[in-house]
N, C-alpha and C. Protein backbone atom coordinates (compact mmCIF):
# COMPACT_ATOMS: atom_id res chain seq x y z
N UNK A 1 0.82 -1.22 0.00
CA UNK A 1 0.05 0.01 -0.01
C UNK A 1 0.88 1.26 0.02
N UNK A 2 1.93 1.21 0.76
CA UNK A 2 2.89 2.37 0.81
C UNK A 2 3.44 2.75 -0.59
N UNK A 3 3.76 1.75 -1.38
CA UNK A 3 4.26 1.94 -2.71
C UNK A 3 3.22 2.58 -3.60
N UNK A 4 2.03 2.21 -3.47
CA UNK A 4 0.91 2.79 -4.22
C UNK A 4 0.72 4.23 -3.85
N UNK A 5 0.72 4.56 -2.59
CA UNK A 5 0.61 5.95 -2.10
C UNK A 5 1.76 6.80 -2.57
N UNK A 6 2.95 6.19 -2.53
CA UNK A 6 4.21 6.85 -3.01
C UNK A 6 4.08 7.26 -4.46
N UNK A 7 3.63 6.24 -5.28
CA UNK A 7 3.52 6.48 -6.73
C UNK A 7 2.46 7.53 -7.05
N UNK A 8 1.33 7.43 -6.35
CA UNK A 8 0.23 8.36 -6.50
C UNK A 8 0.71 9.75 -6.05
N UNK A 9 1.36 9.87 -5.04
CA UNK A 9 1.93 11.12 -4.49
C UNK A 9 2.87 11.75 -5.50
N UNK A 10 3.77 10.94 -6.12
CA UNK A 10 4.64 11.46 -7.14
C UNK A 10 3.87 11.88 -8.34
N UNK A 11 2.89 11.18 -8.69
CA UNK A 11 2.06 11.58 -9.81
C UNK A 11 1.37 12.97 -9.58
N UNK A 12 0.89 13.18 -8.37
CA UNK A 12 0.29 14.43 -8.04
C UNK A 12 1.31 15.57 -8.04
N UNK A 13 2.62 15.22 -7.69
CA UNK A 13 3.61 16.23 -7.71
C UNK A 13 3.88 16.70 -9.17
N UNK A 14 3.95 15.70 -10.06
CA UNK A 14 4.18 16.06 -11.46
C UNK A 14 2.97 16.86 -12.03
N UNK A 15 1.75 16.45 -11.70
CA UNK A 15 0.57 17.16 -12.15
C UNK A 15 0.56 18.55 -11.56
N UNK A 16 1.00 18.67 -10.35
CA UNK A 16 1.11 20.04 -9.70
C UNK A 16 2.04 20.95 -10.50
N UNK A 17 3.13 20.40 -10.85
CA UNK A 17 4.12 21.21 -11.70
C UNK A 17 3.49 21.59 -13.04
N UNK A 18 2.84 20.68 -13.70
CA UNK A 18 2.14 20.93 -14.89
C UNK A 18 1.04 21.99 -14.66
N UNK A 19 0.36 21.92 -13.52
CA UNK A 19 -0.65 22.80 -13.21
C UNK A 19 -0.17 24.17 -12.98
N UNK A 20 1.15 24.37 -12.77
CA UNK A 20 1.72 25.76 -12.64
C UNK A 20 1.60 26.54 -13.98
N UNK A 21 1.45 25.82 -15.04
CA UNK A 21 1.36 26.46 -16.35
C UNK A 21 0.01 26.37 -16.98
N UNK A 22 -0.78 25.39 -16.59
CA UNK A 22 -2.09 25.19 -17.16
C UNK A 22 -3.11 25.86 -16.25
N UNK A 23 -3.96 26.76 -16.73
CA UNK A 23 -4.86 27.46 -15.86
C UNK A 23 -5.99 26.59 -15.33
N UNK A 24 -6.22 25.45 -15.92
CA UNK A 24 -7.31 24.60 -15.48
C UNK A 24 -6.98 23.69 -14.37
N UNK A 25 -5.64 23.57 -14.04
CA UNK A 25 -5.22 22.78 -12.88
C UNK A 25 -4.63 23.64 -11.81
N UNK A 26 -5.08 23.40 -10.59
CA UNK A 26 -4.50 24.19 -9.46
C UNK A 26 -3.17 23.55 -9.02
N UNK A 27 -2.09 24.06 -9.57
CA UNK A 27 -0.74 23.48 -9.35
C UNK A 27 -0.35 23.15 -7.93
N UNK A 28 -0.16 24.23 -7.10
CA UNK A 28 0.34 24.02 -5.73
C UNK A 28 -0.59 23.08 -4.85
N UNK A 29 -1.97 23.29 -4.94
CA UNK A 29 -2.84 22.35 -4.18
C UNK A 29 -2.68 20.91 -4.60
N UNK A 30 -2.48 20.71 -5.92
CA UNK A 30 -2.25 19.35 -6.39
C UNK A 30 -0.94 18.72 -5.82
N UNK A 31 0.08 19.58 -5.87
CA UNK A 31 1.40 19.19 -5.30
C UNK A 31 1.26 18.87 -3.80
N UNK A 32 0.40 19.66 -3.14
CA UNK A 32 0.23 19.42 -1.68
C UNK A 32 -0.41 18.05 -1.46
N UNK A 33 -1.36 17.71 -2.34
CA UNK A 33 -2.02 16.36 -2.22
C UNK A 33 -0.92 15.28 -2.30
N UNK A 34 0.09 15.45 -3.16
CA UNK A 34 1.19 14.56 -3.26
C UNK A 34 1.92 14.40 -1.88
N UNK A 35 2.14 15.53 -1.25
CA UNK A 35 2.76 15.51 0.12
C UNK A 35 1.88 14.78 1.11
N UNK A 36 0.60 15.06 0.97
CA UNK A 36 -0.39 14.33 1.90
C UNK A 36 -0.32 12.86 1.73
N UNK A 37 -0.37 12.45 0.49
CA UNK A 37 -0.32 11.00 0.17
C UNK A 37 0.95 10.41 0.69
N UNK A 38 2.07 11.09 0.61
CA UNK A 38 3.35 10.56 1.18
C UNK A 38 3.25 10.35 2.65
N UNK A 39 2.64 11.35 3.28
CA UNK A 39 2.50 11.28 4.78
C UNK A 39 1.46 10.27 5.22
N UNK A 40 0.66 9.80 4.35
CA UNK A 40 -0.34 8.72 4.67
C UNK A 40 0.31 7.31 4.66
N UNK A 41 1.52 7.22 4.14
CA UNK A 41 2.20 5.95 4.18
C UNK A 41 2.60 5.58 5.56
N UNK A 42 2.81 4.29 5.81
CA UNK A 42 3.24 3.85 7.18
C UNK A 42 4.71 4.21 7.39
N UNK A 43 5.50 4.39 6.37
CA UNK A 43 6.93 4.64 6.51
C UNK A 43 7.23 6.08 6.88
N UNK A 44 6.42 6.98 6.42
CA UNK A 44 6.66 8.39 6.71
C UNK A 44 5.64 8.86 7.82
N UNK A 45 6.20 9.27 8.94
CA UNK A 45 5.29 9.73 10.04
C UNK A 45 4.46 10.92 9.75
N UNK A 46 3.26 11.00 10.15
CA UNK A 46 2.37 12.12 9.89
C UNK A 46 2.93 13.31 10.67
N UNK A 47 3.15 14.41 9.98
CA UNK A 47 3.57 15.66 10.61
C UNK A 47 2.58 16.69 10.29
N UNK A 48 1.72 16.94 11.25
CA UNK A 48 0.56 17.88 11.02
C UNK A 48 1.06 19.31 10.81
N UNK A 49 2.15 19.74 11.52
CA UNK A 49 2.68 21.09 11.30
C UNK A 49 3.20 21.25 9.90
N UNK A 50 3.91 20.33 9.43
CA UNK A 50 4.46 20.37 8.06
C UNK A 50 3.32 20.43 7.08
N UNK A 51 2.34 19.55 7.21
CA UNK A 51 1.27 19.52 6.32
C UNK A 51 0.43 20.76 6.42
N UNK A 52 0.18 21.33 7.59
CA UNK A 52 -0.57 22.51 7.79
C UNK A 52 0.09 23.78 7.14
N UNK A 53 1.34 23.79 7.35
CA UNK A 53 2.10 25.00 6.77
C UNK A 53 2.17 24.90 5.23
N UNK A 54 2.45 23.79 4.74
CA UNK A 54 2.49 23.58 3.24
C UNK A 54 1.02 23.74 2.64
N UNK A 55 0.01 23.34 3.33
CA UNK A 55 -1.36 23.58 2.88
C UNK A 55 -1.62 25.06 2.84
N UNK A 56 -1.25 25.76 3.89
CA UNK A 56 -1.48 27.25 3.96
C UNK A 56 -0.79 27.88 2.79
N UNK A 57 0.41 27.55 2.59
CA UNK A 57 1.19 28.14 1.39
C UNK A 57 0.51 27.85 0.09
N UNK A 58 0.08 26.60 -0.09
CA UNK A 58 -0.60 26.24 -1.34
C UNK A 58 -1.82 27.00 -1.55
N UNK A 59 -2.63 27.19 -0.48
CA UNK A 59 -3.85 27.94 -0.63
C UNK A 59 -3.65 29.50 -0.85
N UNK A 60 -2.67 30.00 -0.21
CA UNK A 60 -2.30 31.38 -0.46
C UNK A 60 -1.88 31.64 -1.84
N UNK A 61 -1.01 30.75 -2.37
CA UNK A 61 -0.56 30.89 -3.75
C UNK A 61 -1.69 30.68 -4.73
N UNK A 62 -2.61 29.75 -4.37
CA UNK A 62 -3.84 29.54 -5.22
C UNK A 62 -4.62 30.82 -5.31
N UNK A 63 -4.84 31.48 -4.19
CA UNK A 63 -5.61 32.72 -4.19
C UNK A 63 -4.89 33.87 -4.89
N UNK A 64 -3.57 34.02 -4.64
CA UNK A 64 -2.83 35.09 -5.22
C UNK A 64 -2.79 34.88 -6.77
N UNK A 65 -2.90 33.69 -7.28
CA UNK A 65 -2.88 33.40 -8.70
C UNK A 65 -4.03 34.05 -9.40
N UNK A 66 -5.10 34.28 -8.73
CA UNK A 66 -6.22 34.94 -9.25
C UNK A 66 -6.18 36.47 -9.04
N UNK A 67 -5.48 36.93 -8.01
CA UNK A 67 -5.46 38.31 -7.66
C UNK A 67 -4.36 39.07 -8.45
N UNK A 68 -3.15 38.46 -8.59
CA UNK A 68 -2.04 39.13 -9.23
C UNK A 68 -2.27 39.54 -10.66
N UNK A 69 -2.80 38.63 -11.56
CA UNK A 69 -3.10 39.12 -12.95
C UNK A 69 -4.14 40.29 -12.97
N UNK A 70 -5.10 40.17 -12.12
CA UNK A 70 -6.08 41.26 -12.07
C UNK A 70 -5.44 42.59 -11.62
N UNK A 71 -4.56 42.51 -10.67
CA UNK A 71 -3.81 43.71 -10.25
C UNK A 71 -2.95 44.22 -11.38
N UNK A 72 -2.25 43.34 -12.07
CA UNK A 72 -1.40 43.76 -13.16
C UNK A 72 -2.21 44.39 -14.30
N UNK A 73 -3.31 43.78 -14.62
CA UNK A 73 -4.17 44.32 -15.66
C UNK A 73 -4.74 45.67 -15.31
N UNK A 74 -5.27 45.81 -14.09
CA UNK A 74 -5.86 47.11 -13.65
C UNK A 74 -4.72 48.19 -13.55
N UNK A 75 -3.57 47.78 -13.04
CA UNK A 75 -2.46 48.77 -12.88
C UNK A 75 -2.07 49.33 -14.21
N UNK A 76 -2.19 48.61 -15.27
CA UNK A 76 -1.77 49.05 -16.63
C UNK A 76 -3.04 49.41 -17.43
N UNK A 77 -4.16 49.66 -16.81
CA UNK A 77 -5.37 50.16 -17.51
C UNK A 77 -6.18 49.16 -18.22
N UNK A 78 -6.11 47.87 -17.97
CA UNK A 78 -6.78 46.84 -18.61
C UNK A 78 -8.20 46.66 -18.12
N UNK A 79 -8.89 45.78 -18.91
CA UNK A 79 -10.35 45.47 -18.50
C UNK A 79 -10.40 43.96 -18.32
N UNK A 80 -11.64 43.56 -18.09
CA UNK A 80 -11.98 42.13 -17.85
C UNK A 80 -11.72 41.38 -19.21
N UNK A 81 -11.99 42.05 -20.28
CA UNK A 81 -11.79 41.42 -21.67
C UNK A 81 -10.32 41.10 -21.84
N UNK A 82 -9.40 41.84 -21.33
CA UNK A 82 -7.95 41.57 -21.44
C UNK A 82 -7.62 40.38 -20.64
N UNK A 83 -8.18 40.23 -19.46
CA UNK A 83 -7.93 39.05 -18.59
C UNK A 83 -8.45 37.77 -19.26
N UNK A 84 -9.70 37.88 -19.84
CA UNK A 84 -10.18 36.74 -20.53
C UNK A 84 -9.40 36.37 -21.73
N UNK A 85 -8.93 37.34 -22.47
CA UNK A 85 -8.09 37.18 -23.61
C UNK A 85 -6.77 36.49 -23.21
N UNK A 86 -6.24 36.84 -22.07
CA UNK A 86 -4.99 36.29 -21.57
C UNK A 86 -5.14 34.78 -21.38
N UNK A 87 -6.26 34.37 -20.74
CA UNK A 87 -6.53 32.93 -20.47
C UNK A 87 -6.74 32.21 -21.81
N UNK A 88 -7.55 32.75 -22.75
CA UNK A 88 -7.75 32.12 -23.97
C UNK A 88 -6.41 31.97 -24.78
N UNK A 89 -5.63 33.07 -24.75
CA UNK A 89 -4.33 33.10 -25.39
C UNK A 89 -3.45 31.98 -24.82
N UNK A 90 -3.49 31.81 -23.52
CA UNK A 90 -2.65 30.79 -22.88
C UNK A 90 -3.01 29.38 -23.36
N UNK A 91 -4.31 29.14 -23.39
CA UNK A 91 -4.82 27.79 -23.90
C UNK A 91 -4.38 27.57 -25.26
N UNK A 92 -4.60 28.56 -26.12
CA UNK A 92 -4.18 28.37 -27.54
C UNK A 92 -2.66 28.28 -27.63
N UNK A 93 -1.94 29.06 -26.87
CA UNK A 93 -0.50 28.95 -26.90
C UNK A 93 -0.01 27.59 -26.50
N UNK A 94 -0.66 26.98 -25.50
CA UNK A 94 -0.28 25.67 -25.04
C UNK A 94 -0.53 24.60 -26.12
N UNK A 95 -1.61 24.75 -26.85
CA UNK A 95 -2.05 23.79 -27.88
C UNK A 95 -1.37 23.93 -29.19
N UNK A 96 -0.98 25.21 -29.47
CA UNK A 96 -0.37 25.48 -30.80
C UNK A 96 1.09 24.93 -30.84
N UNK A 97 1.49 24.36 -31.95
CA UNK A 97 2.86 23.83 -32.00
C UNK A 97 3.87 24.90 -32.37
N UNK A 98 3.71 26.09 -31.75
CA UNK A 98 4.65 27.18 -32.05
C UNK A 98 5.64 27.30 -30.89
N UNK A 99 6.91 27.42 -31.16
CA UNK A 99 7.86 27.64 -30.08
C UNK A 99 7.53 28.96 -29.34
N UNK A 100 7.50 28.84 -28.06
CA UNK A 100 7.16 30.06 -27.25
C UNK A 100 5.70 30.41 -27.18
N UNK A 101 4.87 29.47 -27.60
CA UNK A 101 3.39 29.70 -27.62
C UNK A 101 2.84 30.04 -26.27
N UNK A 102 3.45 29.44 -25.18
CA UNK A 102 2.95 29.67 -23.84
C UNK A 102 3.26 31.13 -23.40
N UNK A 103 4.23 31.73 -24.04
CA UNK A 103 4.59 33.08 -23.71
C UNK A 103 3.90 34.18 -24.62
N UNK A 104 3.82 33.79 -25.93
CA UNK A 104 3.23 34.68 -26.92
C UNK A 104 1.69 34.68 -26.76
N UNK A 105 1.13 33.52 -26.48
CA UNK A 105 -0.38 33.33 -26.50
C UNK A 105 -1.09 34.34 -25.46
N UNK A 106 -0.60 34.36 -24.19
CA UNK A 106 -1.25 35.22 -23.28
C UNK A 106 -1.21 36.70 -23.65
N UNK A 107 -0.04 37.10 -24.14
CA UNK A 107 0.18 38.49 -24.50
C UNK A 107 -0.78 38.88 -25.65
N UNK A 108 -0.75 38.02 -26.73
CA UNK A 108 -1.60 38.28 -27.82
C UNK A 108 -3.13 38.24 -27.47
N UNK A 109 -3.46 37.27 -26.57
CA UNK A 109 -4.80 37.16 -26.09
C UNK A 109 -5.29 38.39 -25.37
N UNK A 110 -4.38 38.93 -24.55
CA UNK A 110 -4.74 40.13 -23.74
C UNK A 110 -4.90 41.31 -24.70
N UNK A 111 -4.02 41.44 -25.65
CA UNK A 111 -4.04 42.53 -26.64
C UNK A 111 -5.30 42.48 -27.43
N UNK A 112 -5.64 41.31 -27.92
CA UNK A 112 -6.84 41.20 -28.77
C UNK A 112 -8.12 41.38 -27.92
N UNK A 113 -8.05 40.88 -26.67
CA UNK A 113 -9.14 41.07 -25.75
C UNK A 113 -9.43 42.59 -25.51
N UNK A 114 -8.37 43.36 -25.29
CA UNK A 114 -8.51 44.75 -25.07
C UNK A 114 -9.01 45.51 -26.34
N UNK A 115 -8.53 45.05 -27.47
CA UNK A 115 -8.99 45.63 -28.71
C UNK A 115 -10.54 45.36 -28.92
N UNK A 116 -10.94 44.17 -28.52
CA UNK A 116 -12.37 43.82 -28.67
C UNK A 116 -13.19 44.65 -27.72
N UNK A 117 -12.61 45.19 -26.64
CA UNK A 117 -13.30 46.03 -25.71
C UNK A 117 -13.19 47.50 -26.08
N UNK A 118 -12.92 47.76 -27.34
CA UNK A 118 -12.93 49.10 -27.90
C UNK A 118 -11.72 49.95 -27.43
N UNK A 119 -10.66 49.31 -27.02
CA UNK A 119 -9.47 50.06 -26.54
C UNK A 119 -8.63 50.45 -27.82
N UNK A 120 -7.94 51.58 -27.83
CA UNK A 120 -7.04 51.89 -28.92
C UNK A 120 -5.82 51.05 -28.80
N UNK A 121 -5.01 51.05 -29.85
CA UNK A 121 -3.79 50.20 -29.87
C UNK A 121 -2.83 50.42 -28.68
N UNK A 122 -2.57 51.69 -28.35
CA UNK A 122 -1.66 51.99 -27.27
C UNK A 122 -2.15 51.53 -25.91
N UNK A 123 -3.42 51.75 -25.61
CA UNK A 123 -4.07 51.32 -24.40
C UNK A 123 -4.08 49.82 -24.30
N UNK A 124 -4.47 49.20 -25.47
CA UNK A 124 -4.58 47.69 -25.55
C UNK A 124 -3.14 47.09 -25.31
N UNK A 125 -2.13 47.73 -25.88
CA UNK A 125 -0.76 47.13 -25.71
C UNK A 125 -0.34 47.29 -24.27
N UNK A 126 -0.58 48.44 -23.69
CA UNK A 126 -0.23 48.69 -22.28
C UNK A 126 -0.98 47.72 -21.32
N UNK A 127 -2.25 47.52 -21.54
CA UNK A 127 -3.00 46.64 -20.74
C UNK A 127 -2.59 45.17 -20.94
N UNK A 128 -2.23 44.84 -22.19
CA UNK A 128 -1.80 43.46 -22.53
C UNK A 128 -0.48 43.19 -21.76
N UNK A 129 0.39 44.18 -21.75
CA UNK A 129 1.65 44.04 -21.02
C UNK A 129 1.38 43.83 -19.55
N UNK A 130 0.49 44.55 -18.98
CA UNK A 130 0.15 44.42 -17.53
C UNK A 130 -0.43 43.01 -17.29
N UNK A 131 -1.35 42.55 -18.10
CA UNK A 131 -1.93 41.27 -17.92
C UNK A 131 -0.91 40.18 -18.06
N UNK A 132 -0.10 40.32 -19.04
CA UNK A 132 0.98 39.33 -19.32
C UNK A 132 2.00 39.31 -18.16
N UNK A 133 2.35 40.42 -17.62
CA UNK A 133 3.23 40.50 -16.46
C UNK A 133 2.65 39.83 -15.23
N UNK A 134 1.34 40.06 -15.06
CA UNK A 134 0.66 39.39 -13.94
C UNK A 134 0.56 37.93 -14.18
N UNK A 135 0.37 37.44 -15.38
CA UNK A 135 0.28 36.04 -15.69
C UNK A 135 1.68 35.42 -15.38
N UNK A 136 2.72 36.07 -15.92
CA UNK A 136 4.08 35.52 -15.69
C UNK A 136 4.41 35.41 -14.19
N UNK A 137 4.04 36.45 -13.43
CA UNK A 137 4.33 36.47 -11.96
C UNK A 137 3.61 35.32 -11.33
N UNK A 138 2.31 35.14 -11.64
CA UNK A 138 1.56 34.07 -10.98
C UNK A 138 2.05 32.68 -11.37
N UNK A 139 2.41 32.52 -12.66
CA UNK A 139 2.95 31.27 -13.17
C UNK A 139 4.32 30.98 -12.48
N UNK A 140 5.17 31.93 -12.39
CA UNK A 140 6.43 31.74 -11.74
C UNK A 140 6.26 31.37 -10.26
N UNK A 141 5.36 32.07 -9.61
CA UNK A 141 5.16 31.75 -8.16
C UNK A 141 4.62 30.38 -7.97
N UNK A 142 3.70 29.92 -8.80
CA UNK A 142 3.16 28.58 -8.71
C UNK A 142 4.24 27.49 -8.99
N UNK A 143 5.04 27.77 -9.99
CA UNK A 143 6.09 26.87 -10.40
C UNK A 143 7.11 26.73 -9.26
N UNK A 144 7.50 27.81 -8.73
CA UNK A 144 8.49 27.77 -7.64
C UNK A 144 7.99 26.97 -6.46
N UNK A 145 6.71 27.20 -6.05
CA UNK A 145 6.09 26.47 -4.94
C UNK A 145 6.04 24.97 -5.26
N UNK A 146 5.64 24.66 -6.52
CA UNK A 146 5.49 23.26 -6.91
C UNK A 146 6.84 22.61 -6.92
N UNK A 147 7.83 23.24 -7.30
CA UNK A 147 9.24 22.66 -7.31
C UNK A 147 9.73 22.47 -5.92
N UNK A 148 9.46 23.46 -5.02
CA UNK A 148 9.88 23.29 -3.63
C UNK A 148 9.15 22.13 -2.99
N UNK A 149 7.81 21.99 -3.30
CA UNK A 149 7.05 20.82 -2.75
C UNK A 149 7.59 19.55 -3.30
N UNK A 150 8.07 19.51 -4.57
CA UNK A 150 8.72 18.27 -5.12
C UNK A 150 10.01 18.04 -4.33
N UNK A 151 10.75 19.05 -4.11
CA UNK A 151 12.01 18.92 -3.37
C UNK A 151 11.72 18.35 -1.93
N UNK A 152 10.70 18.82 -1.29
CA UNK A 152 10.31 18.33 0.09
C UNK A 152 9.96 16.86 -0.09
N UNK A 153 9.12 16.53 -1.14
CA UNK A 153 8.67 15.14 -1.30
C UNK A 153 9.88 14.28 -1.52
N UNK A 154 10.81 14.62 -2.36
CA UNK A 154 12.01 13.77 -2.61
C UNK A 154 12.85 13.67 -1.32
N UNK A 155 12.98 14.74 -0.52
CA UNK A 155 13.70 14.74 0.69
C UNK A 155 13.07 13.77 1.69
N UNK A 156 11.77 13.82 1.78
CA UNK A 156 11.03 12.92 2.74
C UNK A 156 11.24 11.46 2.33
N UNK A 157 11.14 11.21 0.94
CA UNK A 157 11.27 9.82 0.42
C UNK A 157 12.67 9.36 0.75
N UNK A 158 13.64 10.21 0.50
CA UNK A 158 15.09 9.78 0.77
C UNK A 158 15.28 9.50 2.22
N UNK A 159 14.77 10.40 3.08
CA UNK A 159 14.91 10.24 4.54
C UNK A 159 14.29 8.93 4.99
N UNK A 160 13.16 8.49 4.42
CA UNK A 160 12.46 7.31 4.87
C UNK A 160 12.51 6.16 3.87
N UNK A 161 13.56 6.16 3.05
CA UNK A 161 13.75 5.23 1.97
C UNK A 161 13.76 3.72 2.45
N UNK A 162 14.36 3.50 3.66
CA UNK A 162 14.42 2.10 4.05
C UNK A 162 12.99 1.57 4.46
N UNK A 163 12.11 2.41 4.96
CA UNK A 163 10.78 2.00 5.24
C UNK A 163 9.90 1.97 3.97
N UNK A 164 10.15 2.80 2.96
CA UNK A 164 9.42 2.79 1.77
C UNK A 164 9.81 1.66 0.82
N UNK A 165 11.13 1.34 0.80
CA UNK A 165 11.64 0.32 -0.13
C UNK A 165 12.38 -0.67 0.68
N UNK A 166 11.64 -1.51 1.46
CA UNK A 166 12.35 -2.52 2.28
C UNK A 166 13.07 -3.58 1.50
N UNK A 167 12.70 -3.79 0.26
CA UNK A 167 13.35 -4.82 -0.57
C UNK A 167 14.67 -4.38 -1.08
N UNK A 168 15.06 -3.06 -0.88
CA UNK A 168 16.45 -2.66 -1.22
C UNK A 168 17.35 -2.70 -0.09
N UNK A 169 16.96 -3.07 1.08
CA UNK A 169 17.88 -3.06 2.21
C UNK A 169 18.68 -4.36 2.25
């Protein structure tokens, strides 16, 4: 059972990292589930403080991911249309086989979204930059937390490797 929880936990860690870039997946909360699954094994003792602190961090980052792009867009004069365009551009950028689509997509999406909201080119470009900056900040933040959680996961696995992998002793 421990090996199953370990594999599931690692899977959630990888999905959490992927969720740092995909707007439909909550990256850090999924990575936290990986940590929880690891602590549910018999080999790794339950540490409520560790799990509580990491859950708090995951939830704060999850909330900030919605707030930061909005702040960036508003700070640079953008509208809701620019934020929607950023999300649509991100999805298209991920699916398009263009190098750098994940970076170009949100920017173009925000720009086109602002133009659709009757903004002039200069205003749309400024708002697109703000939305894009907010998106990059949120993505970077989620990615860093997911990588730190993966590091913690690997550290715990290494620390308790004899209990998790008794057949290697």
